[in-house]
C-alpha atoms as a PDB file:
ATOM      1  CA  MET A   1      55.991   9.675  23.899  1.00  0.00           C
ATOM      2  CA  LYS A   2      53.971  12.694  22.817  1.00  0.00           C
ATOM      3  CA  LYS A   3      54.015  11.517  19.169  1.00  0.00           C
ATOM      4  CA  PHE A   4      52.845   8.030  20.216  1.00  0.00           C
ATOM      5  CA  LEU A   5      49.975   9.499  22.264  1.00  0.00           C
ATOM      6  CA  VAL A   6      48.800  11.668  19.347  1.00  0.00           C
ATOM      7  CA  MET A   7      48.900   8.681  16.974  1.00  0.00           C
ATOM      8  CA  ALA A   8      46.986   6.501  19.453  1.00  0.00           C
ATOM      9  CA  CYS A   9      44.289   9.173  19.799  1.00  0.00           C
ATOM     10  CA  MET A  10      44.028   9.453  16.022  1.00  0.00           C
ATOM     11  CA  ALA A  11      43.647   5.676  15.686  1.00  0.00           C
ATOM     12  CA  ILE A  12      40.897   5.600  18.328  1.00  0.00           C
ATOM     13  CA  SER A  13      39.124   8.516  16.626  1.00  0.00           C
ATOM     14  CA  MET A  14      39.273   6.789  13.243  1.00  0.00           C
ATOM     15  CA  PHE A  15      37.878   3.589  14.780  1.00  0.00           C
ATOM     16  CA  ALA A  16      35.025   5.532  16.381  1.00  0.00           C
ATOM     17  CA  LEU A  17      34.109   7.030  13.005  1.00  0.00           C
ATOM     18  CA  THR A  18      33.815   3.576  11.415  1.00  0.00           C
ATOM     19  CA  VAL A  19      31.295   2.278  13.964  1.00  0.00           C
ATOM     20  CA  GLN A  20      27.902   2.442  12.289  1.00  0.00           C
ATOM     21  CA  ALA A  21      25.160   4.271  14.180  1.00  0.00           C
ATOM     22  CA  GLU A  22      21.805   2.608  14.765  1.00  0.00           C
ATOM     23  CA  ASP A  23      19.150   3.898  12.348  1.00  0.00           C
ATOM     24  CA  VAL A  24      16.318   5.855  14.041  1.00  0.00           C
ATOM     25  CA  TRP A  25      12.930   6.077  12.309  1.00  0.00           C
ATOM     26  CA  ASP A  26      11.331   9.413  11.407  1.00  0.00           C
ATOM     27  CA  GLY A  27       7.856   7.911  10.717  1.00  0.00           C
ATOM     28  CA  SER A  28       8.100   7.833   6.922  1.00  0.00           C
ATOM     29  CA  THR A  29       8.053   4.826   4.573  1.00  0.00           C
ATOM     30  CA  ASP A  30      10.299   3.777   1.695  1.00  0.00           C
ATOM     31  CA  THR A  31       9.566   0.877  -0.667  1.00  0.00           C
ATOM     32  CA  GLU A  32      12.501   1.382  -3.038  1.00  0.00           C
ATOM     33  CA  TRP A  33      14.487  -1.546  -1.655  1.00  0.00           C
ATOM     34  CA  ALA A  34      17.849  -2.512  -3.076  1.00  0.00           C
ATOM     35  CA  THR A  35      18.305  -6.142  -4.109  1.00  0.00           C
ATOM     36  CA  ASP A  36      21.308  -8.417  -4.025  1.00  0.00           C
ATOM     37  CA  ALA A  37      22.570 -10.723  -6.792  1.00  0.00           C
ATOM     38  CA  ASN A  38      20.034 -13.385  -5.725  1.00  0.00           C
ATOM     39  CA  GLY A  39      17.063 -11.020  -5.938  1.00  0.00           C
ATOM     40  CA  ASN A  40      16.692 -10.732  -2.158  1.00  0.00           C
ATOM     41  CA  TYR A  41      15.314  -7.417  -0.914  1.00  0.00           C
ATOM     42  CA  LEU A  42      17.715  -5.523   1.375  1.00  0.00           C
ATOM     43  CA  ILE A  43      16.307  -3.553   4.328  1.00  0.00           C
ATOM     44  CA  TYR A  44      18.769  -0.963   5.621  1.00  0.00           C
ATOM     45  CA  THR A  45      16.533   1.615   7.307  1.00  0.00           C
ATOM     46  CA  ALA A  46      13.488   1.948   9.516  1.00  0.00           C
ATOM     47  CA  GLU A  47      11.746   3.705   6.620  1.00  0.00           C
ATOM     48  CA  GLU A  48      12.300   0.609   4.465  1.00  0.00           C
ATOM     49  CA  LEU A  49      11.001  -1.676   7.231  1.00  0.00           C
ATOM     50  CA  ALA A  50       7.911   0.550   7.530  1.00  0.00           C
ATOM     51  CA  GLY A  51       7.606   0.331   3.737  1.00  0.00           C
ATOM     52  CA  LEU A  52       7.405  -3.452   4.047  1.00  0.00           C
ATOM     53  CA  ALA A  53       4.567  -3.040   6.564  1.00  0.00           C
ATOM     54  CA  ALA A  54       2.755  -0.640   4.215  1.00  0.00           C
ATOM     55  CA  LYS A  55       3.051  -3.006   1.230  1.00  0.00           C
ATOM     56  CA  VAL A  56       1.972  -6.111   3.190  1.00  0.00           C
ATOM     57  CA  ASN A  57      -0.891  -4.229   4.815  1.00  0.00           C
ATOM     58  CA  GLY A  58      -1.899  -3.086   1.334  1.00  0.00           C
ATOM     59  CA  GLY A  59      -2.236  -6.699   0.175  1.00  0.00           C
ATOM     60  CA  GLU A  60       1.201  -7.866  -1.027  1.00  0.00           C
ATOM     61  CA  SER A  61       2.192 -11.133   0.726  1.00  0.00           C
ATOM     62  CA  TYR A  62       5.720 -11.539  -0.713  1.00  0.00           C
ATOM     63  CA  SER A  63       5.281 -15.299  -0.905  1.00  0.00           C
ATOM     64  CA  GLY A  64       8.544 -16.819  -2.156  1.00  0.00           C
ATOM     65  CA  LYS A  65      10.472 -13.563  -1.611  1.00  0.00           C
ATOM     66  CA  THR A  66      13.293 -12.978   0.881  1.00  0.00           C
ATOM     67  CA  PHE A  67      14.098  -9.838   2.857  1.00  0.00           C
ATOM     68  CA  LEU A  68      17.480  -9.386   4.536  1.00  0.00           C
ATOM     69  CA  LEU A  69      17.900  -6.922   7.410  1.00  0.00           C
ATOM     70  CA  MET A  70      21.198  -5.147   6.821  1.00  0.00           C
ATOM     71  CA  ASP A  71      21.470  -2.956   9.946  1.00  0.00           C
ATOM     72  CA  ASP A  72      20.069  -2.467  13.459  1.00  0.00           C
ATOM     73  CA  ILE A  73      16.887  -0.389  13.469  1.00  0.00           C
ATOM     74  CA  ASN A  74      15.551   1.827  16.264  1.00  0.00           C
ATOM     75  CA  LEU A  75      11.846   2.746  16.033  1.00  0.00           C
ATOM     76  CA  ALA A  76      11.885   4.991  19.128  1.00  0.00           C
ATOM     77  CA  ASN A  77      11.039   8.283  17.450  1.00  0.00           C
ATOM     78  CA  TYR A  78       7.583   7.148  16.382  1.00  0.00           C
ATOM     79  CA  GLN A  79       4.807   6.486  18.875  1.00  0.00           C
ATOM     80  CA  ASN A  80       2.815   3.674  17.243  1.00  0.00           C
ATOM     81  CA  TRP A  81       4.433   1.099  14.982  1.00  0.00           C
ATOM     82  CA  VAL A  82       2.065  -0.457  12.441  1.00  0.00           C
ATOM     83  CA  ALA A  83       2.694  -4.204  12.378  1.00  0.00           C
ATOM     84  CA  ILE A  84       3.742  -6.042   9.232  1.00  0.00           C
ATOM     85  CA  GLY A  85       0.469  -7.826   8.443  1.00  0.00           C
ATOM     86  CA  TYR A  86      -2.772  -7.875  10.378  1.00  0.00           C
ATOM     87  CA  VAL A  87      -6.090  -9.609  10.872  1.00  0.00           C
ATOM     88  CA  ASN A  88      -9.130  -7.393  11.106  1.00  0.00           C
ATOM     89  CA  GLY A  89     -12.726  -8.145  12.009  1.00  0.00           C
ATOM     90  CA  MET A  90     -12.689 -11.594  13.577  1.00  0.00           C
ATOM     91  CA  VAL A  91     -16.297 -12.697  13.788  1.00  0.00           C
ATOM     92  CA  ALA A  92     -17.963 -15.226  16.078  1.00  0.00           C
ATOM     93  CA  THR A  93     -17.692 -17.973  13.447  1.00  0.00           C
ATOM     94  CA  GLY A  94     -13.886 -17.779  13.503  1.00  0.00           C
ATOM     95  CA  THR A  95     -13.592 -16.264  10.041  1.00  0.00           C
ATOM     96  CA  PHE A  96     -11.884 -12.991   9.245  1.00  0.00           C
ATOM     97  CA  GLU A  97     -13.236 -10.020   7.345  1.00  0.00           C
ATOM     98  CA  THR A  98      -9.788  -8.702   6.385  1.00  0.00           C
ATOM     99  CA  LYS A  99      -6.451 -10.435   6.581  1.00  0.00           C
ATOM    100  CA  ARG A 100      -3.053  -9.342   5.364  1.00  0.00           C
ATOM    101  CA  PHE A 101      -0.320 -11.923   5.913  1.00  0.00           C
ATOM    102  CA  PHE A 102       3.412 -11.707   5.362  1.00  0.00           C
ATOM    103  CA  SER A 103       4.256 -14.983   3.587  1.00  0.00           C
ATOM    104  CA  GLY A 104       7.899 -14.538   2.639  1.00  0.00           C
ATOM    105  CA  THR A 105      11.203 -14.960   4.447  1.00  0.00           C
ATOM    106  CA  PHE A 106      12.595 -12.264   6.715  1.00  0.00           C
ATOM    107  CA  ASP A 107      16.192 -12.907   7.771  1.00  0.00           C
ATOM    108  CA  GLY A 108      17.398 -10.457  10.428  1.00  0.00           C
ATOM    109  CA  GLN A 109      20.999 -11.652   9.950  1.00  0.00           C
ATOM    110  CA  GLY A 110      21.572 -11.171  13.692  1.00  0.00           C
ATOM    111  CA  HIS A 111      20.486  -7.515  13.639  1.00  0.00           C
ATOM    112  CA  THR A 112      18.182  -5.893  16.191  1.00  0.00           C
ATOM    113  CA  VAL A 113      14.900  -4.023  15.821  1.00  0.00           C
ATOM    114  CA  SER A 114      14.334  -2.065  18.998  1.00  0.00           C
ATOM    115  CA  LYS A 115      11.983   0.288  20.772  1.00  0.00           C
ATOM    116  CA  TYR A 116       8.824  -0.158  18.747  1.00  0.00           C
ATOM    117  CA  TYR A 117       5.736   0.914  20.615  1.00  0.00           C
ATOM    118  CA  ILE A 118       2.207  -0.382  20.014  1.00  0.00           C
ATOM    119  CA  TYR A 119      -0.779   0.752  22.007  1.00  0.00           C
ATOM    120  CA  GLU A 120      -3.823  -0.702  20.288  1.00  0.00           C
ATOM    121  CA  LYS A 121      -7.414  -0.506  21.456  1.00  0.00           C
ATOM    122  CA  SER A 122      -9.648  -3.095  19.825  1.00  0.00           C
ATOM    123  CA  THR A 123     -13.303  -2.157  19.828  1.00  0.00           C
ATOM    124  CA  SER A 124     -16.193  -4.529  19.323  1.00  0.00           C
ATOM    125  CA  THR A 125     -19.714  -4.352  18.026  1.00  0.00           C
ATOM    126  CA  GLY A 126     -21.521  -7.582  18.787  1.00  0.00           C
ATOM    127  CA  ALA A 127     -19.275 -10.443  17.647  1.00  0.00           C
ATOM    128  CA  THR A 128     -17.097  -8.390  15.291  1.00  0.00           C
ATOM    129  CA  TYR A 129     -13.784  -6.908  16.427  1.00  0.00           C
ATOM    130  CA  SER A 130     -11.526  -4.339  14.858  1.00  0.00           C
ATOM    131  CA  LYS A 131      -7.771  -4.967  14.468  1.00  0.00           C
ATOM    132  CA  ILE A 132      -6.837  -7.890  16.679  1.00  0.00           C
ATOM    133  CA  THR A 133      -3.155  -8.414  15.911  1.00  0.00           C
ATOM    134  CA  GLY A 134       0.002  -6.514  16.749  1.00  0.00           C
ATOM    135  CA  GLY A 135       3.732  -6.848  17.069  1.00  0.00           C
ATOM    136  CA  LEU A 136       6.644  -6.296  14.756  1.00  0.00           C
ATOM    137  CA  PHE A 137       4.946  -8.886  12.532  1.00  0.00           C
ATOM    138  CA  GLY A 138       1.210  -8.860  13.177  1.00  0.00           C
ATOM    139  CA  ALA A 139       0.142 -11.733  10.927  1.00  0.00           C
ATOM    140  CA  ILE A 140       2.172 -14.305   9.025  1.00  0.00           C
ATOM    141  CA  SER A 141       1.256 -17.345   6.958  1.00  0.00           C
ATOM    142  CA  SER A 142       3.751 -19.867   5.573  1.00  0.00           C
ATOM    143  CA  ALA A 143       6.505 -17.396   6.469  1.00  0.00           C
ATOM    144  CA  THR A 144       9.993 -17.737   7.872  1.00  0.00           C
ATOM    145  CA  ILE A 145      11.328 -15.150  10.307  1.00  0.00           C
ATOM    146  CA  CYS A 146      14.819 -15.933  11.545  1.00  0.00           C
ATOM    147  CA  ASN A 147      18.043 -14.509  13.004  1.00  0.00           C
ATOM    148  CA  LEU A 148      16.214 -11.440  14.316  1.00  0.00           C
ATOM    149  CA  VAL A 149      16.572  -9.801  17.718  1.00  0.00           C
ATOM    150  CA  VAL A 150      13.667  -7.687  19.019  1.00  0.00           C
ATOM    151  CA  ARG A 151      14.329  -5.816  22.232  1.00  0.00           C
ATOM    152  CA  ASP A 152      13.169  -2.923  24.392  1.00  0.00           C
ATOM    153  CA  SER A 153       9.762  -2.889  22.713  1.00  0.00           C
ATOM    154  CA  TYR A 154       6.281  -2.397  24.090  1.00  0.00           C
ATOM    155  CA  LEU A 155       2.997  -3.981  23.002  1.00  0.00           C
ATOM    156  CA  TYR A 156      -0.217  -3.201  24.806  1.00  0.00           C
ATOM    157  CA  MET A 157      -3.510  -4.322  23.251  1.00  0.00           C
ATOM    158  CA  TYR A 158      -6.886  -4.429  24.880  1.00  0.00           C
ATOM    159  CA  ASN A 159     -10.524  -4.837  23.926  1.00  0.00           C
ATOM    160  CA  ASN A 160     -13.061  -2.240  24.961  1.00  0.00           C
ATOM    161  CA  HIS A 161     -16.443  -4.052  24.876  1.00  0.00           C
END
């Protein structure tokens, strides 16, 4: 009986070691994404997801490219997530001064991005506004976002005229 109990505890311990921990973001970015045999970009970490935001917000749309989320990501350690894509400076005519759209495919493969926090104050001068978009993806155009779970996240945006 004692031998059986020891072996059962060892089996449970080994199982516990194989369960993958959720990745928690440290605030840094990484744009050195791995690719699969089809040329799809693989996102494993919060740093890589933040790298996607940095590249899109820098002007790369990734039209025709596919990103696959390979693990659950927890953004809780950082206070203000910067959305993937944005629109900046909407003027009274309905045009935009700056726009950065994600235009590729993002397949979450059933994984979860959790606990991102956005607290964004939009200021205005006359008819021009500063950043007016937010979320995990702030601005998309001709994009596909699928099989993604977003939970326990907070978005608060307001305009201070």
